[in-house]
Amino acid sequence: MDTTASLHFMNQEFAKLDQFDGQNYTRWAEKVKFMLHVLKLSFVLDPKLPPIPDNPIPKEGESVDPTVIAELEKQRILRRESEELCVGHIKNSLSDRLYDLYSPVKDPKELWNALELKYKAHEEGTNKYLVSKYLEFQMVDDKSIMEQVHKLQVMVNKLNALTISLPELFQVGAIIAKLPPSWKDFSKRMMHKSEDYSLDDLMKHLRIEEETRIRDKKGKVGQSVIKCQLGVLATKANLGDRTRRTLDPRNKASRNRVIRILTQIQKGPVLATSAERLGTMQENAKIANQYRLHTQSRR
């Protein structure tokens, strides 16, 4: 692939790789290899790639065919361009810190081997704790169950990359066992089923169960709001006569009550719920407004 085509490919969306910062080397390396394969540059990383031979030395009394020398020179130029493009693409996918660190390296195989030697070994050392992380993983109620299952499956994929294969039946049982306590009844139903089911079947059951719980939770909140509104209406009906009896400005107790009401409008009951406080503030504001109108009409 020539320079123009290579630059055109770099502008395409699937060529925009996340910059490698030293984490998740295996994932980054696979993406870079795919990109180099599409660019037809991956061959320069092949350790078995034969070198281009030197120009043939003519025997005594003979001359070398100039077309052979020209062909060899053409191959050297193409190889050199491919190596420069390959190095450039690899460095372009590195973070600024790693780019500065490996900028002196010009040979693509030397650069690739250096990155693999350092970061693949580091990743393998980190992955030693992956099994314990998988076994200790426990889901919680305050996060989406499906998102937590996804994290668990990411661990399984990493274990598979380490040639640690977990049977699908084991994964199904592990997911059920790691559900939070509020899912205890669901776990019992799934564990007591006589037939075996796949991981995809479990995902469907989990998704349906989670969506049902979300709808039920919203329904309970709506019922609570309706009950609060009904309580406010009942309070309004009961306060009607008492309000009229306490609006006389000549009554000192009435004036003191209005002062308390105006103060309460700003503070509200400390221990009241939001709905109850709203109802109280509305009633107090109404009483204070009626008192003000009643006082003005007496003047």
C-alpha atoms as a PDB file:
ATOM      1  CA  MET A   1       0.000   0.000   0.000  1.00  0.00           C
ATOM      2  CA  ASP A   2       1.453   3.368  -0.990  1.00  0.00           C
ATOM      3  CA  THR A   3       1.739   6.436   1.238  1.00  0.00           C
ATOM      4  CA  THR A   4      -1.410   8.096  -0.129  1.00  0.00           C
ATOM      5  CA  ALA A   5      -3.574   5.027   0.441  1.00  0.00           C
ATOM      6  CA  SER A   6      -2.076   4.577   3.896  1.00  0.00           C
ATOM      7  CA  LEU A   7      -2.930   8.142   4.883  1.00  0.00           C
ATOM      8  CA  HIS A   8      -6.458   7.703   3.493  1.00  0.00           C
ATOM      9  CA  PHE A   9      -6.904   4.606   5.628  1.00  0.00           C
ATOM     10  CA  MET A  10      -5.690   6.496   8.709  1.00  0.00           C
ATOM     11  CA  ASN A  11      -8.598   8.916   8.321  1.00  0.00           C
ATOM     12  CA  GLN A  12     -11.187   6.135   8.450  1.00  0.00           C
ATOM     13  CA  GLU A  13     -13.079   5.513  11.678  1.00  0.00           C
ATOM     14  CA  PHE A  14     -11.924   1.938  12.252  1.00  0.00           C
ATOM     15  CA  ALA A  15      -8.292   3.050  12.013  1.00  0.00           C
ATOM     16  CA  LYS A  16      -8.622   5.354  15.023  1.00  0.00           C
ATOM     17  CA  LEU A  17      -7.223   3.178  17.779  1.00  0.00           C
ATOM     18  CA  ASP A  18      -7.167   4.008  21.465  1.00  0.00           C
ATOM     19  CA  GLN A  19      -3.674   5.098  22.403  1.00  0.00           C
ATOM     20  CA  PHE A  20      -1.728   2.438  24.272  1.00  0.00           C
ATOM     21  CA  ASP A  21      -0.630   3.642  27.706  1.00  0.00           C
ATOM     22  CA  GLY A  22       0.791   0.393  29.065  1.00  0.00           C
ATOM     23  CA  GLN A  23      -2.531  -1.259  30.002  1.00  0.00           C
ATOM     24  CA  ASN A  24      -4.396  -4.050  28.173  1.00  0.00           C
ATOM     25  CA  TYR A  25      -1.486  -4.897  25.879  1.00  0.00           C
ATOM     26  CA  THR A  26      -3.115  -7.981  24.310  1.00  0.00           C
ATOM     27  CA  ARG A  27      -6.204  -6.063  23.173  1.00  0.00           C
ATOM     28  CA  TRP A  28      -4.100  -3.222  21.762  1.00  0.00           C
ATOM     29  CA  ALA A  29      -1.722  -5.613  19.973  1.00  0.00           C
ATOM     30  CA  GLU A  30      -4.595  -7.456  18.280  1.00  0.00           C
ATOM     31  CA  LYS A  31      -6.079  -4.185  17.006  1.00  0.00           C
ATOM     32  CA  VAL A  32      -2.725  -2.986  15.684  1.00  0.00           C
ATOM     33  CA  LYS A  33      -2.057  -6.320  13.958  1.00  0.00           C
ATOM     34  CA  PHE A  34      -5.425  -6.128  12.236  1.00  0.00           C
ATOM     35  CA  MET A  35      -4.745  -2.582  11.087  1.00  0.00           C
ATOM     36  CA  LEU A  36      -1.310  -3.543   9.734  1.00  0.00           C
ATOM     37  CA  HIS A  37      -2.836  -6.552   7.999  1.00  0.00           C
ATOM     38  CA  VAL A  38      -5.403  -4.340   6.226  1.00  0.00           C
ATOM     39  CA  LEU A  39      -2.600  -1.966   5.251  1.00  0.00           C
ATOM     40  CA  LYS A  40      -0.574  -4.940   3.945  1.00  0.00           C
ATOM     41  CA  LEU A  41       2.288  -4.004   6.265  1.00  0.00           C
ATOM     42  CA  SER A  42       2.162  -6.888   8.733  1.00  0.00           C
ATOM     43  CA  PHE A  43       4.725  -8.872   6.745  1.00  0.00           C
ATOM     44  CA  VAL A  44       7.574  -6.663   8.013  1.00  0.00           C
ATOM     45  CA  LEU A  45       6.960  -8.012  11.544  1.00  0.00           C
ATOM     46  CA  ASP A  46       7.338 -11.604  10.409  1.00  0.00           C
ATOM     47  CA  PRO A  47      10.485 -13.013  12.067  1.00  0.00           C
ATOM     48  CA  LYS A  48      10.924 -15.392   9.099  1.00  0.00           C
ATOM     49  CA  LEU A  49      10.920 -12.568   6.570  1.00  0.00           C
ATOM     50  CA  PRO A  50      13.994 -13.155   4.364  1.00  0.00           C
ATOM     51  CA  PRO A  51      16.325 -10.224   3.811  1.00  0.00           C
ATOM     52  CA  ILE A  52      16.742  -8.757   0.353  1.00  0.00           C
ATOM     53  CA  PRO A  53      19.959 -10.147  -1.142  1.00  0.00           C
ATOM     54  CA  ASP A  54      22.864  -7.941  -2.006  1.00  0.00           C
ATOM     55  CA  ASN A  55      23.665  -7.093  -5.586  1.00  0.00           C
ATOM     56  CA  PRO A  56      25.277 -10.049  -7.318  1.00  0.00           C
ATOM     57  CA  ILE A  57      29.027  -9.897  -7.783  1.00  0.00           C
ATOM     58  CA  PRO A  58      29.946 -10.404 -11.411  1.00  0.00           C
ATOM     59  CA  LYS A  59      32.274 -13.230 -12.219  1.00  0.00           C
ATOM     60  CA  GLU A  60      35.555 -12.546 -13.910  1.00  0.00           C
ATOM     61  CA  GLY A  61      34.995 -11.600 -17.475  1.00  0.00           C
ATOM     62  CA  GLU A  62      31.216 -11.366 -17.053  1.00  0.00           C
ATOM     63  CA  SER A  63      28.827  -8.515 -16.357  1.00  0.00           C
ATOM     64  CA  VAL A  64      25.723  -8.394 -14.177  1.00  0.00           C
ATOM     65  CA  ASP A  65      22.391  -7.848 -15.800  1.00  0.00           C
ATOM     66  CA  PRO A  66      21.406  -4.244 -14.893  1.00  0.00           C
ATOM     67  CA  THR A  67      17.723  -5.189 -14.684  1.00  0.00           C
ATOM     68  CA  VAL A  68      18.560  -7.551 -11.804  1.00  0.00           C
ATOM     69  CA  ILE A  69      20.295  -4.771  -9.897  1.00  0.00           C
ATOM     70  CA  ALA A  70      17.407  -2.398 -10.608  1.00  0.00           C
ATOM     71  CA  GLU A  71      14.870  -4.965  -9.374  1.00  0.00           C
ATOM     72  CA  LEU A  72      16.811  -5.517  -6.153  1.00  0.00           C
ATOM     73  CA  GLU A  73      17.053  -1.777  -5.565  1.00  0.00           C
ATOM     74  CA  LYS A  74      13.305  -1.433  -6.140  1.00  0.00           C
ATOM     75  CA  GLN A  75      12.663  -4.161  -3.552  1.00  0.00           C
ATOM     76  CA  ARG A  76      14.897  -2.381  -1.030  1.00  0.00           C
ATOM     77  CA  ILE A  77      13.038   0.884  -1.518  1.00  0.00           C
ATOM     78  CA  LEU A  78       9.647  -0.803  -1.076  1.00  0.00           C
ATOM     79  CA  ARG A  79      10.876  -2.682   1.998  1.00  0.00           C
ATOM     80  CA  ARG A  80      12.257   0.505   3.528  1.00  0.00           C
ATOM     81  CA  GLU A  81       9.019   2.404   2.891  1.00  0.00           C
ATOM     82  CA  SER A  82       6.962  -0.441   4.379  1.00  0.00           C
ATOM     83  CA  GLU A  83       9.144  -0.530   7.487  1.00  0.00           C
ATOM     84  CA  GLU A  84       8.891   3.246   7.947  1.00  0.00           C
ATOM     85  CA  LEU A  85       5.100   3.155   7.557  1.00  0.00           C
ATOM     86  CA  CYS A  86       4.797   0.224   9.952  1.00  0.00           C
ATOM     87  CA  VAL A  87       6.898   1.978  12.607  1.00  0.00           C
ATOM     88  CA  GLY A  88       4.884   5.159  12.112  1.00  0.00           C
ATOM     89  CA  HIS A  89       1.532   3.394  12.566  1.00  0.00           C
ATOM     90  CA  ILE A  90       2.705   1.595  15.704  1.00  0.00           C
ATOM     91  CA  LYS A  91       4.095   4.775  17.264  1.00  0.00           C
ATOM     92  CA  ASN A  92       0.958   6.685  16.292  1.00  0.00           C
ATOM     93  CA  SER A  93      -1.093   4.298  18.443  1.00  0.00           C
ATOM     94  CA  LEU A  94       1.099   4.918  21.526  1.00  0.00           C
ATOM     95  CA  SER A  95       0.455   7.494  24.211  1.00  0.00           C
ATOM     96  CA  ASP A  96       2.664  10.585  24.262  1.00  0.00           C
ATOM     97  CA  ARG A  97       4.703   9.158  27.130  1.00  0.00           C
ATOM     98  CA  LEU A  98       5.440   5.881  25.339  1.00  0.00           C
ATOM     99  CA  TYR A  99       5.963   7.653  22.020  1.00  0.00           C
ATOM    100  CA  ASP A 100       8.737   9.747  23.537  1.00  0.00           C
ATOM    101  CA  LEU A 101      10.209   6.638  25.150  1.00  0.00           C
ATOM    102  CA  TYR A 102      10.360   4.575  21.938  1.00  0.00           C
ATOM    103  CA  SER A 103      10.899   7.361  19.393  1.00  0.00           C
ATOM    104  CA  PRO A 104      14.583   6.468  18.835  1.00  0.00           C
ATOM    105  CA  VAL A 105      13.637   2.949  17.628  1.00  0.00           C
ATOM    106  CA  LYS A 106      13.434   2.837  13.844  1.00  0.00           C
ATOM    107  CA  ASP A 107      13.195  -0.879  13.094  1.00  0.00           C
ATOM    108  CA  PRO A 108       9.581  -2.208  13.267  1.00  0.00           C
ATOM    109  CA  LYS A 109      10.514  -5.688  14.560  1.00  0.00           C
ATOM    110  CA  GLU A 110      12.754  -4.202  17.236  1.00  0.00           C
ATOM    111  CA  LEU A 111       9.969  -1.831  18.328  1.00  0.00           C
ATOM    112  CA  TRP A 112       7.310  -4.558  18.368  1.00  0.00           C
ATOM    113  CA  ASN A 113       9.503  -7.005  20.276  1.00  0.00           C
ATOM    114  CA  ALA A 114      10.435  -4.366  22.854  1.00  0.00           C
ATOM    115  CA  LEU A 115       6.774  -3.527  23.530  1.00  0.00           C
ATOM    116  CA  GLU A 116       5.815  -7.201  23.698  1.00  0.00           C
ATOM    117  CA  LEU A 117       8.684  -8.104  26.004  1.00  0.00           C
ATOM    118  CA  LYS A 118       7.849  -5.399  28.526  1.00  0.00           C
ATOM    119  CA  TYR A 119       4.075  -5.091  28.526  1.00  0.00           C
ATOM    120  CA  LYS A 120       2.956  -8.619  27.734  1.00  0.00           C
ATOM    121  CA  ALA A 121       5.038  -9.942  30.634  1.00  0.00           C
ATOM    122  CA  HIS A 122       3.578  -7.221  32.860  1.00  0.00           C
ATOM    123  CA  GLU A 123       0.052  -8.141  31.780  1.00  0.00           C
ATOM    124  CA  GLU A 124       0.631 -11.824  32.446  1.00  0.00           C
ATOM    125  CA  GLY A 125       1.886 -10.989  35.927  1.00  0.00           C
ATOM    126  CA  THR A 126      -1.265  -8.936  36.561  1.00  0.00           C
ATOM    127  CA  ASN A 127      -3.521 -11.689  35.217  1.00  0.00           C
ATOM    128  CA  LYS A 128      -2.327 -14.089  37.901  1.00  0.00           C
ATOM    129  CA  TYR A 129      -4.830 -12.407  40.221  1.00  0.00           C
ATOM    130  CA  LEU A 130      -7.669 -12.598  37.688  1.00  0.00           C
ATOM    131  CA  VAL A 131      -8.923 -15.974  38.909  1.00  0.00           C
ATOM    132  CA  SER A 132      -9.218 -14.739  42.493  1.00  0.00           C
ATOM    133  CA  LYS A 133     -10.972 -11.578  41.270  1.00  0.00           C
ATOM    134  CA  TYR A 134     -13.502 -13.712  39.403  1.00  0.00           C
ATOM    135  CA  LEU A 135     -14.157 -15.969  42.417  1.00  0.00           C
ATOM    136  CA  GLU A 136     -14.455 -13.043  44.842  1.00  0.00           C
ATOM    137  CA  PHE A 137     -16.707 -10.950  42.588  1.00  0.00           C
ATOM    138  CA  GLN A 138     -20.106 -10.310  44.211  1.00  0.00           C
ATOM    139  CA  MET A 139     -22.985  -8.317  42.749  1.00  0.00           C
ATOM    140  CA  VAL A 140     -24.678  -5.501  44.666  1.00  0.00           C
ATOM    141  CA  ASP A 141     -28.188  -4.031  44.622  1.00  0.00           C
ATOM    142  CA  ASP A 142     -27.307  -0.416  43.832  1.00  0.00           C
ATOM    143  CA  LYS A 143     -25.942  -1.229  40.350  1.00  0.00           C
ATOM    144  CA  SER A 144     -27.526  -2.704  37.241  1.00  0.00           C
ATOM    145  CA  ILE A 145     -27.421  -6.495  37.297  1.00  0.00           C
ATOM    146  CA  MET A 146     -26.810  -6.703  33.546  1.00  0.00           C
ATOM    147  CA  GLU A 147     -23.862  -4.308  33.778  1.00  0.00           C
ATOM    148  CA  GLN A 148     -22.335  -6.398  36.555  1.00  0.00           C
ATOM    149  CA  VAL A 149     -22.842  -9.600  34.557  1.00  0.00           C
ATOM    150  CA  HIS A 150     -21.069  -7.880  31.657  1.00  0.00           C
ATOM    151  CA  LYS A 151     -18.056  -7.166  33.899  1.00  0.00           C
ATOM    152  CA  LEU A 152     -18.044 -10.804  34.925  1.00  0.00           C
ATOM    153  CA  GLN A 153     -18.051 -11.894  31.285  1.00  0.00           C
ATOM    154  CA  VAL A 154     -15.118  -9.576  30.550  1.00  0.00           C
ATOM    155  CA  MET A 155     -13.161 -11.456  33.218  1.00  0.00           C
ATOM    156  CA  VAL A 156     -14.121 -14.751  31.573  1.00  0.00           C
ATOM    157  CA  ASN A 157     -12.817 -13.523  28.214  1.00  0.00           C
ATOM    158  CA  LYS A 158      -9.534 -12.513  29.822  1.00  0.00           C
ATOM    159  CA  LEU A 159      -9.275 -15.944  31.426  1.00  0.00           C
ATOM    160  CA  ASN A 160      -9.889 -17.549  28.043  1.00  0.00           C
ATOM    161  CA  ALA A 161      -7.020 -15.481  26.649  1.00  0.00           C
ATOM    162  CA  LEU A 162      -4.853 -17.092  29.334  1.00  0.00           C
ATOM    163  CA  THR A 163      -6.041 -20.540  28.156  1.00  0.00           C
ATOM    164  CA  ILE A 164      -8.138 -20.863  31.307  1.00  0.00           C
ATOM    165  CA  SER A 165     -11.443 -22.060  29.888  1.00  0.00           C
ATOM    166  CA  LEU A 166     -14.571 -22.021  32.069  1.00  0.00           C
ATOM    167  CA  PRO A 167     -17.412 -24.348  30.991  1.00  0.00           C
ATOM    168  CA  GLU A 168     -20.673 -22.592  30.166  1.00  0.00           C
ATOM    169  CA  LEU A 169     -22.567 -24.537  32.842  1.00  0.00           C
ATOM    170  CA  PHE A 170     -20.029 -23.358  35.420  1.00  0.00           C
ATOM    171  CA  GLN A 171     -20.475 -19.740  34.310  1.00  0.00           C
ATOM    172  CA  VAL A 172     -24.276 -20.039  34.631  1.00  0.00           C
ATOM    173  CA  GLY A 173     -24.008 -21.387  38.171  1.00  0.00           C
ATOM    174  CA  ALA A 174     -21.421 -18.757  39.134  1.00  0.00           C
ATOM    175  CA  ILE A 175     -23.596 -15.871  37.931  1.00  0.00           C
ATOM    176  CA  ILE A 176     -26.608 -17.169  39.885  1.00  0.00           C
ATOM    177  CA  ALA A 177     -24.479 -17.631  43.021  1.00  0.00           C
ATOM    178  CA  LYS A 178     -23.117 -14.060  42.734  1.00  0.00           C
ATOM    179  CA  LEU A 179     -26.525 -12.352  42.583  1.00  0.00           C
ATOM    180  CA  PRO A 180     -27.251  -9.932  45.482  1.00  0.00           C
ATOM    181  CA  PRO A 181     -29.372 -10.997  48.502  1.00  0.00           C
ATOM    182  CA  SER A 182     -32.489  -9.259  47.158  1.00  0.00           C
ATOM    183  CA  TRP A 183     -32.452 -11.754  44.274  1.00  0.00           C
ATOM    184  CA  LYS A 184     -32.562 -14.747  46.607  1.00  0.00           C
ATOM    185  CA  ASP A 185     -35.982 -15.955  45.409  1.00  0.00           C
ATOM    186  CA  PHE A 186     -34.943 -15.661  41.773  1.00  0.00           C
ATOM    187  CA  SER A 187     -31.739 -17.605  42.476  1.00  0.00           C
ATOM    188  CA  LYS A 188     -33.710 -20.417  44.110  1.00  0.00           C
ATOM    189  CA  ARG A 189     -36.097 -20.658  41.161  1.00  0.00           C
ATOM    190  CA  MET A 190     -33.251 -20.871  38.672  1.00  0.00           C
ATOM    191  CA  MET A 191     -31.201 -23.357  40.695  1.00  0.00           C
ATOM    192  CA  HIS A 192     -34.178 -25.694  41.246  1.00  0.00           C
ATOM    193  CA  LYS A 193     -34.994 -26.009  37.558  1.00  0.00           C
ATOM    194  CA  SER A 194     -34.466 -29.559  36.383  1.00  0.00           C
ATOM    195  CA  GLU A 195     -33.318 -28.751  32.849  1.00  0.00           C
ATOM    196  CA  ASP A 196     -29.980 -27.177  31.994  1.00  0.00           C
ATOM    197  CA  TYR A 197     -30.035 -23.820  30.239  1.00  0.00           C
ATOM    198  CA  SER A 198     -27.448 -21.868  28.324  1.00  0.00           C
ATOM    199  CA  LEU A 199     -25.775 -18.605  29.201  1.00  0.00           C
ATOM    200  CA  ASP A 200     -27.976 -16.791  26.683  1.00  0.00           C
ATOM    201  CA  ASP A 201     -31.103 -18.217  28.345  1.00  0.00           C
ATOM    202  CA  LEU A 202     -29.908 -16.979  31.730  1.00  0.00           C
ATOM    203  CA  MET A 203     -29.263 -13.524  30.275  1.00  0.00           C
ATOM    204  CA  LYS A 204     -32.846 -13.370  28.980  1.00  0.00           C
ATOM    205  CA  HIS A 205     -34.249 -14.351  32.391  1.00  0.00           C
ATOM    206  CA  LEU A 206     -32.034 -11.801  34.156  1.00  0.00           C
ATOM    207  CA  ARG A 207     -33.020  -9.016  31.760  1.00  0.00           C
ATOM    208  CA  ILE A 208     -36.742  -9.740  32.131  1.00  0.00           C
ATOM    209  CA  GLU A 209     -36.461  -9.963  35.924  1.00  0.00           C
ATOM    210  CA  GLU A 210     -34.545  -6.699  36.195  1.00  0.00           C
ATOM    211  CA  GLU A 211     -36.982  -4.829  33.940  1.00  0.00           C
ATOM    212  CA  THR A 212     -39.920  -6.201  35.964  1.00  0.00           C
ATOM    213  CA  ARG A 213     -38.338  -5.047  39.222  1.00  0.00           C
ATOM    214  CA  ILE A 214     -37.742  -1.567  37.798  1.00  0.00           C
ATOM    215  CA  ARG A 215     -41.407  -1.288  36.712  1.00  0.00           C
ATOM    216  CA  ASP A 216     -42.645  -2.523  40.097  1.00  0.00           C
ATOM    217  CA  LYS A 217     -40.436  -0.013  41.869  1.00  0.00           C
ATOM    218  CA  LYS A 218     -41.805   2.839  39.771  1.00  0.00           C
ATOM    219  CA  GLY A 219     -45.358   1.648  40.501  1.00  0.00           C
ATOM    220  CA  LYS A 220     -44.756   1.705  44.262  1.00  0.00           C
ATOM    221  CA  VAL A 221     -43.364   5.231  44.070  1.00  0.00           C
ATOM    222  CA  GLY A 222     -46.428   6.378  42.131  1.00  0.00           C
ATOM    223  CA  GLN A 223     -48.777   4.847  44.751  1.00  0.00           C
ATOM    224  CA  SER A 224     -46.877   6.604  47.535  1.00  0.00           C
ATOM    225  CA  VAL A 225     -47.265   9.953  45.769  1.00  0.00           C
ATOM    226  CA  ILE A 226     -51.027   9.397  45.348  1.00  0.00           C
ATOM    227  CA  LYS A 227     -51.399   8.536  49.045  1.00  0.00           C
ATOM    228  CA  CYS A 228     -49.537  11.700  50.012  1.00  0.00           C
ATOM    229  CA  GLN A 229     -51.770  13.797  47.753  1.00  0.00           C
ATOM    230  CA  LEU A 230     -54.893  12.235  49.262  1.00  0.00           C
ATOM    231  CA  GLY A 231     -53.525  12.986  52.722  1.00  0.00           C
ATOM    232  CA  VAL A 232     -53.013  16.631  51.795  1.00  0.00           C
ATOM    233  CA  LEU A 233     -56.600  16.889  50.497  1.00  0.00           C
ATOM    234  CA  ALA A 234     -57.927  15.378  53.712  1.00  0.00           C
ATOM    235  CA  THR A 235     -55.850  17.826  55.722  1.00  0.00           C
ATOM    236  CA  LYS A 236     -57.281  20.734  53.722  1.00  0.00           C
ATOM    237  CA  ALA A 237     -60.842  19.594  54.481  1.00  0.00           C
ATOM    238  CA  ASN A 238     -60.128  19.264  58.208  1.00  0.00           C
ATOM    239  CA  LEU A 239     -58.413  22.636  58.424  1.00  0.00           C
ATOM    240  CA  GLY A 240     -61.319  24.600  56.913  1.00  0.00           C
ATOM    241  CA  ASP A 241     -63.272  25.454  60.092  1.00  0.00           C
ATOM    242  CA  ARG A 242     -60.181  25.732  62.266  1.00  0.00           C
ATOM    243  CA  THR A 243     -58.655  28.243  59.821  1.00  0.00           C
ATOM    244  CA  ARG A 244     -61.663  30.517  59.971  1.00  0.00           C
ATOM    245  CA  ARG A 245     -61.566  30.484  63.765  1.00  0.00           C
ATOM    246  CA  THR A 246     -57.943  31.573  63.896  1.00  0.00           C
ATOM    247  CA  LEU A 247     -57.982  34.530  61.476  1.00  0.00           C
ATOM    248  CA  ASP A 248     -59.286  37.196  63.863  1.00  0.00           C
ATOM    249  CA  PRO A 249     -56.478  39.850  64.155  1.00  0.00           C
ATOM    250  CA  ARG A 250     -57.927  41.044  67.481  1.00  0.00           C
ATOM    251  CA  ASN A 251     -57.084  37.714  69.002  1.00  0.00           C
ATOM    252  CA  LYS A 252     -53.503  37.703  70.365  1.00  0.00           C
ATOM    253  CA  ALA A 253     -53.285  33.911  70.068  1.00  0.00           C
ATOM    254  CA  SER A 254     -54.349  34.195  66.431  1.00  0.00           C
ATOM    255  CA  ARG A 255     -51.614  36.727  65.700  1.00  0.00           C
ATOM    256  CA  ASN A 256     -49.012  34.522  67.388  1.00  0.00           C
ATOM    257  CA  ARG A 257     -50.197  31.514  65.363  1.00  0.00           C
ATOM    258  CA  VAL A 258     -49.794  33.426  62.097  1.00  0.00           C
ATOM    259  CA  ILE A 259     -46.268  34.469  63.131  1.00  0.00           C
ATOM    260  CA  ARG A 260     -45.417  30.806  63.782  1.00  0.00           C
ATOM    261  CA  ILE A 261     -46.912  29.864  60.439  1.00  0.00           C
ATOM    262  CA  LEU A 262     -44.808  32.438  58.583  1.00  0.00           C
ATOM    263  CA  THR A 263     -41.706  31.110  60.319  1.00  0.00           C
ATOM    264  CA  GLN A 264     -42.664  27.542  59.511  1.00  0.00           C
ATOM    265  CA  ILE A 265     -43.079  28.412  55.834  1.00  0.00           C
ATOM    266  CA  GLN A 266     -39.353  29.099  55.700  1.00  0.00           C
ATOM    267  CA  LYS A 267     -38.226  26.111  57.770  1.00  0.00           C
ATOM    268  CA  GLY A 268     -40.863  23.408  57.460  1.00  0.00           C
ATOM    269  CA  PRO A 269     -41.189  20.444  59.874  1.00  0.00           C
ATOM    270  CA  VAL A 270     -37.771  18.923  60.414  1.00  0.00           C
ATOM    271  CA  LEU A 271     -38.953  15.325  60.546  1.00  0.00           C
ATOM    272  CA  ALA A 272     -41.627  15.528  57.841  1.00  0.00           C
ATOM    273  CA  THR A 273     -41.343  13.850  54.462  1.00  0.00           C
ATOM    274  CA  SER A 274     -41.088  15.938  51.307  1.00  0.00           C
ATOM    275  CA  ALA A 275     -44.754  15.412  50.393  1.00  0.00           C
ATOM    276  CA  GLU A 276     -45.960  16.212  53.925  1.00  0.00           C
ATOM    277  CA  ARG A 277     -43.748  19.290  54.110  1.00  0.00           C
ATOM    278  CA  LEU A 278     -45.091  20.517  50.777  1.00  0.00           C
ATOM    279  CA  GLY A 279     -48.660  20.087  52.007  1.00  0.00           C
ATOM    280  CA  THR A 280     -47.881  21.892  55.267  1.00  0.00           C
ATOM    281  CA  MET A 281     -46.196  24.785  53.483  1.00  0.00           C
ATOM    282  CA  GLN A 282     -49.114  25.176  51.087  1.00  0.00           C
ATOM    283  CA  GLU A 283     -51.643  25.200  53.911  1.00  0.00           C
ATOM    284  CA  ASN A 284     -49.606  27.658  55.985  1.00  0.00           C
ATOM    285  CA  ALA A 285     -49.130  29.974  53.024  1.00  0.00           C
ATOM    286  CA  LYS A 286     -52.879  29.893  52.392  1.00  0.00           C
ATOM    287  CA  ILE A 287     -53.601  30.724  56.053  1.00  0.00           C
ATOM    288  CA  ALA A 288     -51.088  33.578  56.063  1.00  0.00           C
ATOM    289  CA  ASN A 289     -52.557  35.024  52.842  1.00  0.00           C
ATOM    290  CA  GLN A 290     -56.116  34.809  54.192  1.00  0.00           C
ATOM    291  CA  TYR A 291     -54.984  36.505  57.402  1.00  0.00           C
ATOM    292  CA  ARG A 292     -53.407  39.347  55.427  1.00  0.00           C
ATOM    293  CA  LEU A 293     -56.573  39.858  53.323  1.00  0.00           C
ATOM    294  CA  HIS A 294     -58.757  39.647  56.443  1.00  0.00           C
ATOM    295  CA  THR A 295     -56.618  42.291  58.177  1.00  0.00           C
ATOM    296  CA  GLN A 296     -56.768  44.644  55.211  1.00  0.00           C
ATOM    297  CA  SER A 297     -60.547  44.337  55.011  1.00  0.00           C
ATOM    298  CA  ARG A 298     -60.847  45.297  58.714  1.00  0.00           C
ATOM    299  CA  ARG A 299     -58.974  48.538  58.181  1.00  0.00           C
END
